[in-house]
Amino acid sequence: MRYQTSHGAEKHTFTGPLLSDVLQLAEPRIDPDVKNAQLRLVVTATGSDGYRAALAWAELDPAFSGKKVLLAVTQDSTKLDKEGPRLVVPGDVKGGRYVSGVVRLHVGDTDALDPA
């Protein structure tokens, strides 16, 4: 995958499970009585350094965008055991949502973001 960083262009090969598969194992509660309730969900990934990035659930959901976002465990055939898994968002021009050393994933409803 190619993406831009503050150090210039980078190209790497990542492997690992799809983030959507990992999140399904957590069995997030989605209200079946609310039309397209999953579209109200936001996923955040936090790295060991406190860096955080967000994705809309619809980006991951195969019924909507179905982006193949990874929770990578290898980079260029090297295991990421020491630093931890990396969030990898293919298709992003910049690597801003590539979160290194993921220590927390959170799924929340956008209502929690609305101050009204």
C-alpha atoms as a PDB file:
ATOM      1  CA  MET A   1       0.000   0.000   0.000  1.00  0.00           C
ATOM      2  CA  ARG A   2       1.178   3.485  -0.819  1.00  0.00           C
ATOM      3  CA  TYR A   3       0.500   6.543   1.301  1.00  0.00           C
ATOM      4  CA  GLN A   4       2.011   9.900   2.170  1.00  0.00           C
ATOM      5  CA  THR A   5       3.591  10.626   5.538  1.00  0.00           C
ATOM      6  CA  SER A   6       5.333  13.655   7.007  1.00  0.00           C
ATOM      7  CA  HIS A   7       8.558  11.932   5.866  1.00  0.00           C
ATOM      8  CA  GLY A   8       7.395  11.504   2.251  1.00  0.00           C
ATOM      9  CA  ALA A   9       5.824   8.644   0.314  1.00  0.00           C
ATOM     10  CA  GLU A  10       5.915   5.148   1.773  1.00  0.00           C
ATOM     11  CA  LYS A  11       5.013   1.772   0.337  1.00  0.00           C
ATOM     12  CA  HIS A  12       4.509  -1.298   2.515  1.00  0.00           C
ATOM     13  CA  THR A  13       2.809  -4.672   2.478  1.00  0.00           C
ATOM     14  CA  PHE A  14       0.633  -5.383   5.512  1.00  0.00           C
ATOM     15  CA  THR A  15      -1.120  -8.564   6.624  1.00  0.00           C
ATOM     16  CA  GLY A  16      -3.611  -9.165   9.408  1.00  0.00           C
ATOM     17  CA  PRO A  17      -7.307  -9.619  10.088  1.00  0.00           C
ATOM     18  CA  LEU A  18      -9.926  -7.275   8.721  1.00  0.00           C
ATOM     19  CA  LEU A  19     -10.981  -4.757  11.346  1.00  0.00           C
ATOM     20  CA  SER A  20     -14.628  -5.566  10.558  1.00  0.00           C
ATOM     21  CA  ASP A  21     -14.024  -9.230  11.503  1.00  0.00           C
ATOM     22  CA  VAL A  22     -12.325  -8.246  14.766  1.00  0.00           C
ATOM     23  CA  LEU A  23     -15.184  -5.900  15.660  1.00  0.00           C
ATOM     24  CA  GLN A  24     -17.830  -8.520  14.866  1.00  0.00           C
ATOM     25  CA  LEU A  25     -16.203 -10.779  17.483  1.00  0.00           C
ATOM     26  CA  ALA A  26     -16.930  -8.031  20.025  1.00  0.00           C
ATOM     27  CA  GLU A  27     -20.642  -8.310  19.106  1.00  0.00           C
ATOM     28  CA  PRO A  28     -21.479  -4.586  19.094  1.00  0.00           C
ATOM     29  CA  ARG A  29     -25.089  -3.828  19.986  1.00  0.00           C
ATOM     30  CA  ILE A  30     -26.916  -2.457  16.967  1.00  0.00           C
ATOM     31  CA  ASP A  31     -30.590  -1.656  17.505  1.00  0.00           C
ATOM     32  CA  PRO A  32     -32.556  -3.614  14.867  1.00  0.00           C
ATOM     33  CA  ASP A  33     -35.540  -1.270  15.332  1.00  0.00           C
ATOM     34  CA  VAL A  34     -33.605   1.794  14.147  1.00  0.00           C
ATOM     35  CA  LYS A  35     -33.304   2.222  10.387  1.00  0.00           C
ATOM     36  CA  ASN A  36     -29.643   1.816   9.374  1.00  0.00           C
ATOM     37  CA  ALA A  37     -28.579   2.028  13.030  1.00  0.00           C
ATOM     38  CA  GLN A  38     -25.055   0.926  12.103  1.00  0.00           C
ATOM     39  CA  LEU A  39     -24.602   4.195  10.196  1.00  0.00           C
ATOM     40  CA  ARG A  40     -24.625   6.019  13.530  1.00  0.00           C
ATOM     41  CA  LEU A  41     -21.575   4.115  14.768  1.00  0.00           C
ATOM     42  CA  VAL A  42     -18.020   5.424  14.914  1.00  0.00           C
ATOM     43  CA  VAL A  43     -14.945   3.268  15.476  1.00  0.00           C
ATOM     44  CA  THR A  44     -11.859   4.747  17.118  1.00  0.00           C
ATOM     45  CA  ALA A  45      -8.441   3.142  17.366  1.00  0.00           C
ATOM     46  CA  THR A  46      -5.973   4.382  19.973  1.00  0.00           C
ATOM     47  CA  GLY A  47      -2.249   3.694  19.815  1.00  0.00           C
ATOM     48  CA  SER A  48       0.139   3.115  22.705  1.00  0.00           C
ATOM     49  CA  ASP A  49       1.365   6.701  22.272  1.00  0.00           C
ATOM     50  CA  GLY A  50      -2.164   8.109  22.654  1.00  0.00           C
ATOM     51  CA  TYR A  51      -2.575   8.807  18.928  1.00  0.00           C
ATOM     52  CA  ARG A  52      -6.181   8.213  17.859  1.00  0.00           C
ATOM     53  CA  ALA A  53      -8.042   7.976  14.556  1.00  0.00           C
ATOM     54  CA  ALA A  54     -11.696   7.391  13.710  1.00  0.00           C
ATOM     55  CA  LEU A  55     -13.658   5.596  11.009  1.00  0.00           C
ATOM     56  CA  ALA A  56     -17.347   5.501  10.299  1.00  0.00           C
ATOM     57  CA  TRP A  57     -18.840   2.021  10.725  1.00  0.00           C
ATOM     58  CA  ALA A  58     -20.205   2.275   7.175  1.00  0.00           C
ATOM     59  CA  GLU A  59     -16.631   2.387   5.853  1.00  0.00           C
ATOM     60  CA  LEU A  60     -16.117  -1.126   7.229  1.00  0.00           C
ATOM     61  CA  ASP A  61     -19.573  -2.621   6.674  1.00  0.00           C
ATOM     62  CA  PRO A  62     -19.679  -4.768   3.504  1.00  0.00           C
ATOM     63  CA  ALA A  63     -23.301  -3.689   2.999  1.00  0.00           C
ATOM     64  CA  PHE A  64     -22.133  -0.085   2.566  1.00  0.00           C
ATOM     65  CA  SER A  65     -18.531   0.832   1.664  1.00  0.00           C
ATOM     66  CA  GLY A  66     -16.851  -2.399   2.720  1.00  0.00           C
ATOM     67  CA  LYS A  67     -13.331  -0.931   2.895  1.00  0.00           C
ATOM     68  CA  LYS A  68     -10.752  -3.622   3.655  1.00  0.00           C
ATOM     69  CA  VAL A  69      -9.338  -1.920   6.748  1.00  0.00           C
ATOM     70  CA  LEU A  70      -6.748  -4.097   8.492  1.00  0.00           C
ATOM     71  CA  LEU A  71      -5.552  -4.587  11.995  1.00  0.00           C
ATOM     72  CA  ALA A  72      -2.117  -5.450  10.640  1.00  0.00           C
ATOM     73  CA  VAL A  73       0.166  -7.822  12.524  1.00  0.00           C
ATOM     74  CA  THR A  74       2.971  -7.777   9.939  1.00  0.00           C
ATOM     75  CA  GLN A  75       4.623  -5.062   7.868  1.00  0.00           C
ATOM     76  CA  ASP A  76       6.770  -6.148   4.927  1.00  0.00           C
ATOM     77  CA  SER A  77       6.767  -9.727   6.338  1.00  0.00           C
ATOM     78  CA  THR A  78       8.069  -8.522   9.730  1.00  0.00           C
ATOM     79  CA  LYS A  79       5.860  -9.242  12.739  1.00  0.00           C
ATOM     80  CA  LEU A  80       4.677  -6.217  14.682  1.00  0.00           C
ATOM     81  CA  ASP A  81       4.871  -8.120  17.986  1.00  0.00           C
ATOM     82  CA  LYS A  82       7.045  -5.533  19.695  1.00  0.00           C
ATOM     83  CA  GLU A  83       4.997  -2.413  18.875  1.00  0.00           C
ATOM     84  CA  GLY A  84       1.599  -4.100  18.538  1.00  0.00           C
ATOM     85  CA  PRO A  85      -0.919  -4.187  15.699  1.00  0.00           C
ATOM     86  CA  ARG A  86      -1.322  -1.286  13.290  1.00  0.00           C
ATOM     87  CA  LEU A  87      -4.559   0.105  11.912  1.00  0.00           C
ATOM     88  CA  VAL A  88      -4.157   0.270   8.122  1.00  0.00           C
ATOM     89  CA  VAL A  89      -6.715   2.098   5.955  1.00  0.00           C
ATOM     90  CA  PRO A  90      -6.148   1.219   2.280  1.00  0.00           C
ATOM     91  CA  GLY A  91      -7.113   3.936  -0.149  1.00  0.00           C
ATOM     92  CA  ASP A  92      -6.255   6.819   2.150  1.00  0.00           C
ATOM     93  CA  VAL A  93      -3.868   9.175   0.346  1.00  0.00           C
ATOM     94  CA  LYS A  94      -2.216  10.151   3.624  1.00  0.00           C
ATOM     95  CA  GLY A  95      -1.294   7.745   6.403  1.00  0.00           C
ATOM     96  CA  GLY A  96      -2.978   9.794   9.137  1.00  0.00           C
ATOM     97  CA  ARG A  97      -5.334   6.974  10.055  1.00  0.00           C
ATOM     98  CA  TYR A  98      -2.535   4.419  10.217  1.00  0.00           C
ATOM     99  CA  VAL A  99      -2.435   3.998  14.007  1.00  0.00           C
ATOM    100  CA  SER A 100       0.635   2.177  15.328  1.00  0.00           C
ATOM    101  CA  GLY A 101       0.609   0.000  18.438  1.00  0.00           C
ATOM    102  CA  VAL A 102      -3.180  -0.231  18.729  1.00  0.00           C
ATOM    103  CA  VAL A 103      -4.085  -0.751  22.392  1.00  0.00           C
ATOM    104  CA  ARG A 104      -7.795   0.111  22.242  1.00  0.00           C
ATOM    105  CA  LEU A 105     -10.686  -0.117  19.818  1.00  0.00           C
ATOM    106  CA  HIS A 106     -13.937   1.618  20.702  1.00  0.00           C
ATOM    107  CA  VAL A 107     -17.308   1.467  18.955  1.00  0.00           C
ATOM    108  CA  GLY A 108     -19.697   4.256  19.886  1.00  0.00           C
ATOM    109  CA  ASP A 109     -22.896   5.873  18.722  1.00  0.00           C
ATOM    110  CA  THR A 110     -22.592   9.360  17.226  1.00  0.00           C
ATOM    111  CA  ASP A 111     -25.300  10.497  19.687  1.00  0.00           C
ATOM    112  CA  ALA A 112     -22.511  10.562  22.289  1.00  0.00           C
ATOM    113  CA  LEU A 113     -20.783  13.200  20.137  1.00  0.00           C
ATOM    114  CA  ASP A 114     -23.850  15.443  19.852  1.00  0.00           C
ATOM    115  CA  PRO A 115     -23.884  18.134  22.571  1.00  0.00           C
ATOM    116  CA  ALA A 116     -27.591  18.896  22.009  1.00  0.00           C
END
